[in-house]
PDB file of N, CA and C in Angstrom:
ATOM      1  N   UNK A   1       0.850  -1.205   0.000  1.00  0.00           N
ATOM      2  CA  UNK A   1       0.000   0.000   0.000  1.00  0.00           C
ATOM      3  C   UNK A   1       0.883   1.253   0.000  1.00  0.00           C
ATOM      4  N   UNK A   2       0.650   2.105  -0.971  1.00  0.00           N
ATOM      5  CA  UNK A   2       1.453   3.330  -1.042  1.00  0.00           C
ATOM      6  C   UNK A   2       1.069   4.304   0.074  1.00  0.00           C
ATOM      7  N   UNK A   3      -0.250   4.423   0.319  1.00  0.00           N
ATOM      8  CA  UNK A   3      -0.726   5.358   1.340  1.00  0.00           C
ATOM      9  C   UNK A   3      -0.073   5.065   2.695  1.00  0.00           C
ATOM     10  N   UNK A   4      -0.028   3.782   3.059  1.00  0.00           N
ATOM     11  CA  UNK A   4       0.567   3.399   4.345  1.00  0.00           C
ATOM     12  C   UNK A   4       2.027   3.825   4.402  1.00  0.00           C
ATOM     13  N   UNK A   5       2.741   3.635   3.292  1.00  0.00           N
ATOM     14  CA  UNK A   5       4.160   3.988   3.262  1.00  0.00           C
ATOM     15  C   UNK A   5       4.339   5.500   3.407  1.00  0.00           C
ATOM     16  N   UNK A   6       3.473   6.261   2.744  1.00  0.00           N
ATOM     17  CA  UNK A   6       3.552   7.728   2.823  1.00  0.00           C
ATOM     18  C   UNK A   6       3.301   8.182   4.258  1.00  0.00           C
ATOM     19  N   UNK A   7       2.285   7.605   4.886  1.00  0.00           N
ATOM     20  CA  UNK A   7       1.969   7.980   6.272  1.00  0.00           C
ATOM     21  C   UNK A   7       3.140   7.644   7.186  1.00  0.00           C
ATOM     22  N   UNK A   8       3.746   6.490   6.966  1.00  0.00           N
ATOM     23  CA  UNK A   8       4.868   6.080   7.803  1.00  0.00           C
ATOM     24  C   UNK A   8       6.022   7.067   7.663  1.00  0.00           C
ATOM     25  N   UNK A   9       6.314   7.454   6.418  1.00  0.00           N
ATOM     26  CA  UNK A   9       7.414   8.404   6.189  1.00  0.00           C
ATOM     27  C   UNK A   9       7.097   9.752   6.822  1.00  0.00           C
ATOM     28  N   UNK A  10       5.841  10.191   6.696  1.00  0.00           N
ATOM     29  CA  UNK A  10       5.453  11.478   7.275  1.00  0.00           C
ATOM     30  C   UNK A  10       5.600  11.438   8.795  1.00  0.00           C
ATOM     31  N   UNK A  11       5.192  10.343   9.399  1.00  0.00           N
ATOM     32  CA  UNK A  11       5.292  10.224  10.859  1.00  0.00           C
ATOM     33  C   UNK A  11       6.760  10.242  11.287  1.00  0.00           C
ATOM     34  N   UNK A  12       7.626   9.603  10.492  1.00  0.00           N
ATOM     35  CA  UNK A  12       9.057   9.588  10.826  1.00  0.00           C
ATOM     36  C   UNK A  12       9.619  11.006  10.749  1.00  0.00           C
ATOM     37  N   UNK A  13       9.253  11.741   9.707  1.00  0.00           N
ATOM     38  CA  UNK A  13       9.739  13.118   9.543  1.00  0.00           C
ATOM     39  C   UNK A  13       9.238  13.980  10.697  1.00  0.00           C
ATOM     40  N   UNK A  14       7.971  13.822  11.056  1.00  0.00           N
ATOM     41  CA  UNK A  14       7.410  14.614  12.145  1.00  0.00           C
ATOM     42  C   UNK A  14       8.123  14.303  13.460  1.00  0.00           C
ATOM     43  N   UNK A  15       8.432  13.028  13.687  1.00  0.00           N
ATOM     44  CA  UNK A  15       9.127  12.626  14.914  1.00  0.00           C
ATOM     45  C   UNK A  15      10.511  13.264  14.965  1.00  0.00           C
ATOM     46  N   UNK A  16      11.228  13.240  13.852  1.00  0.00           N
ATOM     47  CA  UNK A  16      12.575  13.825  13.827  1.00  0.00           C
ATOM     48  C   UNK A  16      12.486  15.329  14.059  1.00  0.00           C
ATOM     49  N   UNK A  17      11.519  15.978  13.413  1.00  0.00           N
ATOM     50  CA  UNK A  17      11.359  17.428  13.592  1.00  0.00           C
ATOM     51  C   UNK A  17      11.031  17.733  15.053  1.00  0.00           C
ATOM     52  N   UNK A  18      10.171  16.935  15.656  1.00  0.00           N
ATOM     53  CA  UNK A  18       9.798  17.146  17.054  1.00  0.00           C
ATOM     54  C   UNK A  18      11.019  17.027  17.964  1.00  0.00           C
ATOM     55  N   UNK A  19      11.869  16.018  17.688  1.00  0.00           N
ATOM     56  CA  UNK A  19      13.072  15.825  18.497  1.00  0.00           C
ATOM     57  C   UNK A  19      14.006  17.013  18.353  1.00  0.00           C
ATOM     58  N   UNK A  20      14.191  17.489  17.128  1.00  0.00           N
ATOM     59  CA  UNK A  20      15.087  18.633  16.885  1.00  0.00           C
ATOM     60  C   UNK A  20      14.549  19.870  17.603  1.00  0.00           C
ATOM     61  N   UNK A  21      13.232  20.104  17.488  1.00  0.00           N
ATOM     62  CA  UNK A  21      12.638  21.272  18.142  1.00  0.00           C
ATOM     63  C   UNK A  21      12.772  21.151  19.657  1.00  0.00           C
ATOM     64  N   UNK A  22      12.550  19.956  20.181  1.00  0.00           N
ATOM     65  CA  UNK A  22      12.658  19.733  21.622  1.00  0.00           C
ATOM     66  C   UNK A  22      14.074  20.047  22.098  1.00  0.00           C
ATOM     67  N   UNK A  23      15.073  19.584  21.342  1.00  0.00           N
ATOM     68  CA  UNK A  23      16.469  19.820  21.714  1.00  0.00           C
ATOM     69  C   UNK A  23      16.781  21.313  21.669  1.00  0.00           C
ATOM     70  N   UNK A  24      16.250  21.991  20.646  1.00  0.00           N
ATOM     71  CA  UNK A  24      16.501  23.433  20.501  1.00  0.00           C
ATOM     72  C   UNK A  24      15.883  24.186  21.685  1.00  0.00           C
ATOM     73  N   UNK A  25      14.673  23.810  22.071  1.00  0.00           N
ATOM     74  CA  UNK A  25      14.012  24.484  23.190  1.00  0.00           C
ATOM     75  C   UNK A  25      14.776  24.255  24.488  1.00  0.00           C
ATOM     76  N   UNK A  26      15.268  23.044  24.696  1.00  0.00           N
ATOM     77  CA  UNK A  26      16.005  22.757  25.927  1.00  0.00           C
ATOM     78  C   UNK A  26      17.301  23.562  25.936  1.00  0.00           C
ATOM     79  N   UNK A  27      17.911  23.746  24.771  1.00  0.00           N
ATOM     80  CA  UNK A  27      19.151  24.530  24.694  1.00  0.00           C
ATOM     81  C   UNK A  27      18.858  25.996  24.993  1.00  0.00           C
ATOM     82  N   UNK A  28      17.721  26.494  24.482  1.00  0.00           N
ATOM     83  CA  UNK A  28      17.352  27.896  24.693  1.00  0.00           C
ATOM     84  C   UNK A  28      17.204  28.165  26.188  1.00  0.00           C
ATOM     85  N   UNK A  29      16.668  27.195  26.906  1.00  0.00           N
ATOM     86  CA  UNK A  29      16.489  27.365  28.348  1.00  0.00           C
ATOM     87  C   UNK A  29      17.821  27.147  29.041  1.00  0.00           C
TER      88      UNK A  29
END
């Protein structure tokens, strides 16, 4: 299923972005 693969990739990208943002916020503090 292509849709499932797209969703999986999107979730992975969102997770990485969330981690990067979290690290940036902790550094700011």
